[in-house]
PDB file of all heavy atoms in Angstrom:
ATOM      1  N   VAL A   1      46.897 133.203-147.791  1.00  0.00           N
ATOM      2  CA  VAL A   1      47.627 132.734-146.606  1.00  0.00           C
ATOM      3  C   VAL A   1      48.175 133.946-145.854  1.00  0.00           C
ATOM      4  O   VAL A   1      48.345 135.027-146.416  1.00  0.00           O
ATOM      5  CB  VAL A   1      48.799 131.788-146.979  1.00  0.00           C
ATOM      6  CG1 VAL A   1      48.296 130.471-147.498  1.00  0.00           C
ATOM      7  CG2 VAL A   1      49.753 132.455-147.956  1.00  0.00           C
ATOM      8  N   LEU A   2      48.462 133.703-144.580  1.00  0.00           N
ATOM      9  CA  LEU A   2      49.035 134.750-143.732  1.00  0.00           C
ATOM     10  C   LEU A   2      50.563 134.630-143.745  1.00  0.00           C
ATOM     11  O   LEU A   2      51.112 133.528-143.671  1.00  0.00           O
ATOM     12  CB  LEU A   2      48.519 134.582-142.294  1.00  0.00           C
ATOM     13  CG  LEU A   2      48.679 135.788-141.362  1.00  0.00           C
ATOM     14  CD1 LEU A   2      47.756 136.924-141.792  1.00  0.00           C
ATOM     15  CD2 LEU A   2      48.361 135.377-139.923  1.00  0.00           C
ATOM     16  N   LEU A   3      51.243 135.767-143.850  1.00  0.00           N
ATOM     17  CA  LEU A   3      52.703 135.806-143.781  1.00  0.00           C
ATOM     18  C   LEU A   3      53.121 136.466-142.469  1.00  0.00           C
ATOM     19  O   LEU A   3      52.500 137.447-142.035  1.00  0.00           O
ATOM     20  CB  LEU A   3      53.285 136.613-144.948  1.00  0.00           C
ATOM     21  CG  LEU A   3      52.925 136.180-146.362  1.00  0.00           C
ATOM     22  CD1 LEU A   3      53.590 137.108-147.373  1.00  0.00           C
ATOM     23  CD2 LEU A   3      53.356 134.737-146.617  1.00  0.00           C
ATOM     24  N   GLU A   4      54.157 135.938-141.839  1.00  0.00           N
ATOM     25  CA  GLU A   4      54.656 136.550-140.612  1.00  0.00           C
ATOM     26  C   GLU A   4      56.075 137.076-140.820  1.00  0.00           C
ATOM     27  O   GLU A   4      56.853 136.500-141.595  1.00  0.00           O
ATOM     28  CB  GLU A   4      54.629 135.559-139.444  1.00  0.00           C
ATOM     29  CG  GLU A   4      55.536 134.360-139.584  1.00  0.00           C
ATOM     30  CD  GLU A   4      55.520 133.487-138.327  1.00  0.00           C
ATOM     31  OE1 GLU A   4      55.038 133.940-137.290  1.00  0.00           O
ATOM     32  OE2 GLU A   4      56.008 132.341-138.418  1.00  0.00           O
ATOM     33  N   PRO A   5      56.446 138.168-140.134  1.00  0.00           N
ATOM     34  CA  PRO A   5      57.802 138.704-140.264  1.00  0.00           C
ATOM     35  C   PRO A   5      58.813 137.815-139.543  1.00  0.00           C
ATOM     36  O   PRO A   5      58.573 137.366-138.423  1.00  0.00           O
ATOM     37  CB  PRO A   5      57.708 140.083-139.609  1.00  0.00           C
ATOM     38  CG  PRO A   5      56.552 139.994-138.671  1.00  0.00           C
ATOM     39  CD  PRO A   5      55.594 138.996-139.255  1.00  0.00           C
ATOM     40  N   ILE A   6      59.933 137.585-140.196  1.00  0.00           N
ATOM     41  CA  ILE A   6      61.036 136.799-139.629  1.00  0.00           C
ATOM     42  C   ILE A   6      62.224 137.741-139.417  1.00  0.00           C
ATOM     43  O   ILE A   6      62.535 138.566-140.280  1.00  0.00           O
ATOM     44  CB  ILE A   6      61.452 135.651-140.572  1.00  0.00           C
ATOM     45  CG1 ILE A   6      60.242 134.750-140.889  1.00  0.00           C
ATOM     46  CG2 ILE A   6      62.588 134.832-139.962  1.00  0.00           C
ATOM     47  CD1 ILE A   6      59.674 134.000-139.705  1.00  0.00           C
ATOM     48  N   GLY A   7      62.877 137.626-138.275  1.00  0.00           N
ATOM     49  CA  GLY A   7      64.032 138.465-137.981  1.00  0.00           C
ATOM     50  C   GLY A   7      65.310 137.652-137.873  1.00  0.00           C
ATOM     51  O   GLY A   7      65.287 136.444-137.607  1.00  0.00           O
ATOM     52  N   HIS A   8      66.432 138.349-138.083  1.00  0.00           N
ATOM     53  CA  HIS A   8      67.750 137.720-137.958  1.00  0.00           C
ATOM     54  C   HIS A   8      68.297 138.023-136.567  1.00  0.00           C
ATOM     55  O   HIS A   8      68.430 139.178-136.175  1.00  0.00           O
ATOM     56  CB  HIS A   8      68.690 138.258-139.031  1.00  0.00           C
ATOM     57  CG  HIS A   8      70.028 137.588-139.030  1.00  0.00           C
ATOM     58  ND1 HIS A   8      71.197 138.238-139.336  1.00  0.00           N
ATOM     59  CD2 HIS A   8      70.397 136.305-138.732  1.00  0.00           C
ATOM     60  CE1 HIS A   8      72.217 137.404-139.226  1.00  0.00           C
ATOM     61  NE2 HIS A   8      71.752 136.231-138.871  1.00  0.00           N
ATOM     62  N   LEU A   9      68.608 136.987-135.808  1.00  0.00           N
ATOM     63  CA  LEU A   9      69.066 137.114-134.426  1.00  0.00           C
ATOM     64  C   LEU A   9      70.553 136.789-134.328  1.00  0.00           C
ATOM     65  O   LEU A   9      71.006 135.764-134.838  1.00  0.00           O
ATOM     66  CB  LEU A   9      68.269 136.153-133.528  1.00  0.00           C
ATOM     67  CG  LEU A   9      68.736 135.998-132.078  1.00  0.00           C
ATOM     68  CD1 LEU A   9      68.479 137.280-131.285  1.00  0.00           C
ATOM     69  CD2 LEU A   9      68.045 134.812-131.409  1.00  0.00           C
ATOM     70  N   LYS A  10      71.306 137.675-133.666  1.00  0.00           N
ATOM     71  CA  LYS A  10      72.700 137.383-133.303  1.00  0.00           C
ATOM     72  C   LYS A  10      72.801 137.562-131.795  1.00  0.00           C
ATOM     73  O   LYS A  10      72.734 138.689-131.296  1.00  0.00           O
ATOM     74  CB  LYS A  10      73.676 138.324-134.017  1.00  0.00           C
ATOM     75  CG  LYS A  10      73.884 137.995-135.486  1.00  0.00           C
ATOM     76  CD  LYS A  10      74.935 138.882-136.122  1.00  0.00           C
ATOM     77  CE  LYS A  10      76.323 138.315-135.989  1.00  0.00           C
ATOM     78  NZ  LYS A  10      76.554 137.163-136.849  1.00  0.00           N
ATOM     79  N   ALA A  11      72.895 136.456-131.078  1.00  0.00           N
ATOM     80  CA  ALA A  11      72.936 136.477-129.613  1.00  0.00           C
ATOM     81  C   ALA A  11      74.307 136.011-129.139  1.00  0.00           C
ATOM     82  O   ALA A  11      74.759 134.920-129.499  1.00  0.00           O
ATOM     83  CB  ALA A  11      71.846 135.577-129.036  1.00  0.00           C
ATOM     84  N   THR A  12      74.960 136.852-128.331  1.00  0.00           N
ATOM     85  CA  THR A  12      76.254 136.494-127.751  1.00  0.00           C
ATOM     86  C   THR A  12      76.053 136.181-126.279  1.00  0.00           C
ATOM     87  O   THR A  12      75.644 137.063-125.504  1.00  0.00           O
ATOM     88  CB  THR A  12      77.272 137.631-127.926  1.00  0.00           C
ATOM     89  OG1 THR A  12      77.409 137.912-129.334  1.00  0.00           O
ATOM     90  CG2 THR A  12      78.627 137.252-127.355  1.00  0.00           C
ATOM     91  N   VAL A  13      76.300 134.923-125.903  1.00  0.00           N
ATOM     92  CA  VAL A  13      76.003 134.473-124.536  1.00  0.00           C
ATOM     93  C   VAL A  13      77.171 133.629-124.015  1.00  0.00           C
ATOM     94  O   VAL A  13      77.933 133.055-124.798  1.00  0.00           O
ATOM     95  CB  VAL A  13      74.700 133.645-124.490  1.00  0.00           C
ATOM     96  CG1 VAL A  13      73.511 134.472-124.947  1.00  0.00           C
ATOM     97  CG2 VAL A  13      74.807 132.391-125.346  1.00  0.00           C
ATOM     98  N   PRO A  14      77.315 133.534-122.676  1.00  0.00           N
ATOM     99  CA  PRO A  14      78.384 132.687-122.123  1.00  0.00           C
ATOM    100  C   PRO A  14      78.203 131.223-122.527  1.00  0.00           C
ATOM    101  O   PRO A  14      77.077 130.764-122.755  1.00  0.00           O
ATOM    102  CB  PRO A  14      78.206 132.856-120.603  1.00  0.00           C
ATOM    103  CG  PRO A  14      77.447 134.118-120.426  1.00  0.00           C
ATOM    104  CD  PRO A  14      76.571 134.242-121.628  1.00  0.00           C
ATOM    105  N   ASP A  15      79.320 130.520-122.607  1.00  0.00           N
ATOM    106  CA  ASP A  15      79.271 129.094-122.961  1.00  0.00           C
ATOM    107  C   ASP A  15      78.303 128.318-122.087  1.00  0.00           C
ATOM    108  O   ASP A  15      77.596 127.418-122.549  1.00  0.00           O
ATOM    109  CB  ASP A  15      80.671 128.472-122.829  1.00  0.00           C
ATOM    110  CG  ASP A  15      81.611 128.944-123.934  1.00  0.00           C
ATOM    111  OD1 ASP A  15      81.102 129.395-124.970  1.00  0.00           O
ATOM    112  OD2 ASP A  15      82.837 128.863-123.747  1.00  0.00           O
ATOM    113  N   THR A  16      78.257 128.682-120.799  1.00  0.00           N
ATOM    114  CA  THR A  16      77.416 127.945-119.846  1.00  0.00           C
ATOM    115  C   THR A  16      75.924 128.103-120.133  1.00  0.00           C
ATOM    116  O   THR A  16      75.115 127.300-119.677  1.00  0.00           O
ATOM    117  CB  THR A  16      77.707 128.418-118.416  1.00  0.00           C
ATOM    118  OG1 THR A  16      77.604 129.851-118.364  1.00  0.00           O
ATOM    119  CG2 THR A  16      79.104 128.010-117.963  1.00  0.00           C
ATOM    120  N   SER A  17      75.553 129.140-120.877  1.00  0.00           N
ATOM    121  CA  SER A  17      74.130 129.389-121.162  1.00  0.00           C
ATOM    122  C   SER A  17      73.728 128.945-122.562  1.00  0.00           C
ATOM    123  O   SER A  17      72.562 129.090-122.945  1.00  0.00           O
ATOM    124  CB  SER A  17      73.821 130.887-121.009  1.00  0.00           C
ATOM    125  OG  SER A  17      74.222 131.364-119.749  1.00  0.00           O
ATOM    126  N   MET A  18      74.676 128.424-123.328  1.00  0.00           N
ATOM    127  CA  MET A  18      74.411 128.084-124.726  1.00  0.00           C
ATOM    128  C   MET A  18      73.227 127.141-124.896  1.00  0.00           C
ATOM    129  O   MET A  18      72.331 127.378-125.706  1.00  0.00           O
ATOM    130  CB  MET A  18      75.657 127.430-125.332  1.00  0.00           C
ATOM    131  CG  MET A  18      76.670 128.426-125.839  1.00  0.00           C
ATOM    132  SD  MET A  18      76.167 129.127-127.401  1.00  0.00           S
ATOM    133  CE  MET A  18      76.332 127.698-128.458  1.00  0.00           C
ATOM    134  N   GLY A  19      73.209 126.061-124.116  1.00  0.00           N
ATOM    135  CA  GLY A  19      72.145 125.059-124.257  1.00  0.00           C
ATOM    136  C   GLY A  19      70.777 125.650-124.002  1.00  0.00           C
ATOM    137  O   GLY A  19      69.826 125.404-124.760  1.00  0.00           O
ATOM    138  N   ASP A  20      70.664 126.453-122.932  1.00  0.00           N
ATOM    139  CA  ASP A  20      69.376 127.071-122.585  1.00  0.00           C
ATOM    140  C   ASP A  20      68.901 128.002-123.693  1.00  0.00           C
ATOM    141  O   ASP A  20      67.720 128.000-124.061  1.00  0.00           O
ATOM    142  CB  ASP A  20      69.494 127.855-121.275  1.00  0.00           C
ATOM    143  CG  ASP A  20      69.656 126.941-120.072  1.00  0.00           C
ATOM    144  OD1 ASP A  20      69.172 125.793-120.134  1.00  0.00           O
ATOM    145  OD2 ASP A  20      70.276 127.355-119.075  1.00  0.00           O
ATOM    146  N   ILE A  21      69.808 128.827-124.219  1.00  0.00           N
ATOM    147  CA  ILE A  21      69.414 129.812-125.232  1.00  0.00           C
ATOM    148  C   ILE A  21      69.019 129.117-126.535  1.00  0.00           C
ATOM    149  O   ILE A  21      68.003 129.462-127.156  1.00  0.00           O
ATOM    150  CB  ILE A  21      70.556 130.824-125.482  1.00  0.00           C
ATOM    151  CG1 ILE A  21      70.871 131.612-124.204  1.00  0.00           C
ATOM    152  CG2 ILE A  21      70.184 131.771-126.612  1.00  0.00           C
ATOM    153  CD1 ILE A  21      69.749 132.472-123.685  1.00  0.00           C
ATOM    154  N   MET A  22      69.776 128.110-126.939  1.00  0.00           N
ATOM    155  CA  MET A  22      69.432 127.403-128.177  1.00  0.00           C
ATOM    156  C   MET A  22      68.105 126.663-128.037  1.00  0.00           C
ATOM    157  O   MET A  22      67.291 126.634-128.967  1.00  0.00           O
ATOM    158  CB  MET A  22      70.556 126.437-128.557  1.00  0.00           C
ATOM    159  CG  MET A  22      71.798 127.156-129.051  1.00  0.00           C
ATOM    160  SD  MET A  22      73.155 126.056-129.484  1.00  0.00           S
ATOM    161  CE  MET A  22      72.519 125.248-130.926  1.00  0.00           C
ATOM    162  N   GLY A  23      67.885 126.081-126.855  1.00  0.00           N
ATOM    163  CA  GLY A  23      66.602 125.419-126.608  1.00  0.00           C
ATOM    164  C   GLY A  23      65.451 126.414-126.677  1.00  0.00           C
ATOM    165  O   GLY A  23      64.381 126.108-127.229  1.00  0.00           O
ATOM    166  N   GLU A  24      65.680 127.610-126.148  1.00  0.00           N
ATOM    167  CA  GLU A  24      64.640 128.644-126.164  1.00  0.00           C
ATOM    168  C   GLU A  24      64.368 129.127-127.581  1.00  0.00           C
ATOM    169  O   GLU A  24      63.213 129.384-127.946  1.00  0.00           O
ATOM    170  CB  GLU A  24      65.066 129.819-125.273  1.00  0.00           C
ATOM    171  CG  GLU A  24      63.997 130.866-125.052  1.00  0.00           C
ATOM    172  CD  GLU A  24      62.804 130.370-124.248  1.00  0.00           C
ATOM    173  OE1 GLU A  24      62.926 129.322-123.569  1.00  0.00           O
ATOM    174  OE2 GLU A  24      61.743 131.016-124.309  1.00  0.00           O
ATOM    175  N   ILE A  25      65.414 129.262-128.386  1.00  0.00           N
ATOM    176  CA  ILE A  25      65.223 129.670-129.784  1.00  0.00           C
ATOM    177  C   ILE A  25      64.363 128.640-130.517  1.00  0.00           C
ATOM    178  O   ILE A  25      63.435 129.000-131.256  1.00  0.00           O
ATOM    179  CB  ILE A  25      66.594 129.844-130.481  1.00  0.00           C
ATOM    180  CG1 ILE A  25      67.308 131.089-129.934  1.00  0.00           C
ATOM    181  CG2 ILE A  25      66.427 129.953-131.994  1.00  0.00           C
ATOM    182  CD1 ILE A  25      68.741 131.229-130.403  1.00  0.00           C
ATOM    183  N   ASN A  26      64.637 127.369-130.303  1.00  0.00           N
ATOM    184  CA  ASN A  26      63.820 126.314-130.929  1.00  0.00           C
ATOM    185  C   ASN A  26      62.383 126.360-130.436  1.00  0.00           C
ATOM    186  O   ASN A  26      61.437 126.174-131.211  1.00  0.00           O
ATOM    187  CB  ASN A  26      64.429 124.939-130.638  1.00  0.00           C
ATOM    188  CG  ASN A  26      65.746 124.726-131.378  1.00  0.00           C
ATOM    189  OD1 ASN A  26      65.932 125.247-132.475  1.00  0.00           O
ATOM    190  ND2 ASN A  26      66.663 123.976-130.782  1.00  0.00           N
ATOM    191  N   LYS A  27      62.221 126.611-129.139  1.00  0.00           N
ATOM    192  CA  LYS A  27      60.881 126.690-128.554  1.00  0.00           C
ATOM    193  C   LYS A  27      60.080 127.845-129.160  1.00  0.00           C
ATOM    194  O   LYS A  27      58.860 127.796-129.263  1.00  0.00           O
ATOM    195  CB  LYS A  27      61.012 126.891-127.036  1.00  0.00           C
ATOM    196  CG  LYS A  27      59.762 126.503-126.249  1.00  0.00           C
ATOM    197  CD  LYS A  27      59.921 126.832-124.778  1.00  0.00           C
ATOM    198  CE  LYS A  27      61.011 125.999-124.137  1.00  0.00           C
ATOM    199  NZ  LYS A  27      61.142 126.307-122.682  1.00  0.00           N
ATOM    200  N   ARG A  28      60.807 128.884-129.570  1.00  0.00           N
ATOM    201  CA  ARG A  28      60.151 130.057-130.162  1.00  0.00           C
ATOM    202  C   ARG A  28      60.059 129.943-131.689  1.00  0.00           C
ATOM    203  O   ARG A  28      59.982 130.955-132.390  1.00  0.00           O
ATOM    204  CB  ARG A  28      60.916 131.323-129.764  1.00  0.00           C
ATOM    205  CG  ARG A  28      60.822 131.657-128.280  1.00  0.00           C
ATOM    206  CD  ARG A  28      61.787 132.766-127.878  1.00  0.00           C
ATOM    207  NE  ARG A  28      61.793 132.965-126.435  1.00  0.00           N
ATOM    208  CZ  ARG A  28      61.177 133.961-125.806  1.00  0.00           C
ATOM    209  NH1 ARG A  28      60.509 134.860-126.495  1.00  0.00           N
ATOM    210  NH2 ARG A  28      61.220 134.062-124.490  1.00  0.00           N
ATOM    211  N   ARG A  29      60.121 128.722-132.189  1.00  0.00           N
ATOM    212  CA  ARG A  29      59.987 128.424-133.619  1.00  0.00           C
ATOM    213  C   ARG A  29      61.140 128.991-134.445  1.00  0.00           C
ATOM    214  O   ARG A  29      60.994 129.300-135.621  1.00  0.00           O
ATOM    215  CB  ARG A  29      58.650 128.941-134.176  1.00  0.00           C
ATOM    216  CG  ARG A  29      57.429 128.370-133.508  1.00  0.00           C
ATOM    217  CD  ARG A  29      56.159 128.704-134.251  1.00  0.00           C
ATOM    218  NE  ARG A  29      55.766 130.099-134.082  1.00  0.00           N
ATOM    219  CZ  ARG A  29      55.653 130.962-135.082  1.00  0.00           C
ATOM    220  NH1 ARG A  29      55.901 130.579-136.321  1.00  0.00           N
ATOM    221  NH2 ARG A  29      55.292 132.194-134.859  1.00  0.00           N
ATOM    222  N   GLY A  30      62.294 129.174-133.809  1.00  0.00           N
ATOM    223  CA  GLY A  30      63.454 129.701-134.521  1.00  0.00           C
ATOM    224  C   GLY A  30      64.277 128.609-135.168  1.00  0.00           C
ATOM    225  O   GLY A  30      64.122 127.418-134.883  1.00  0.00           O
TER     226      GLY A  30
END
């Protein structure tokens, strides 16, 4: 099987952007 590297992300963003950033993380298989 193929293994892919996983990274640890710490993103600090304004409250108003929280929904967009979390949605993007999910979209990127996070």
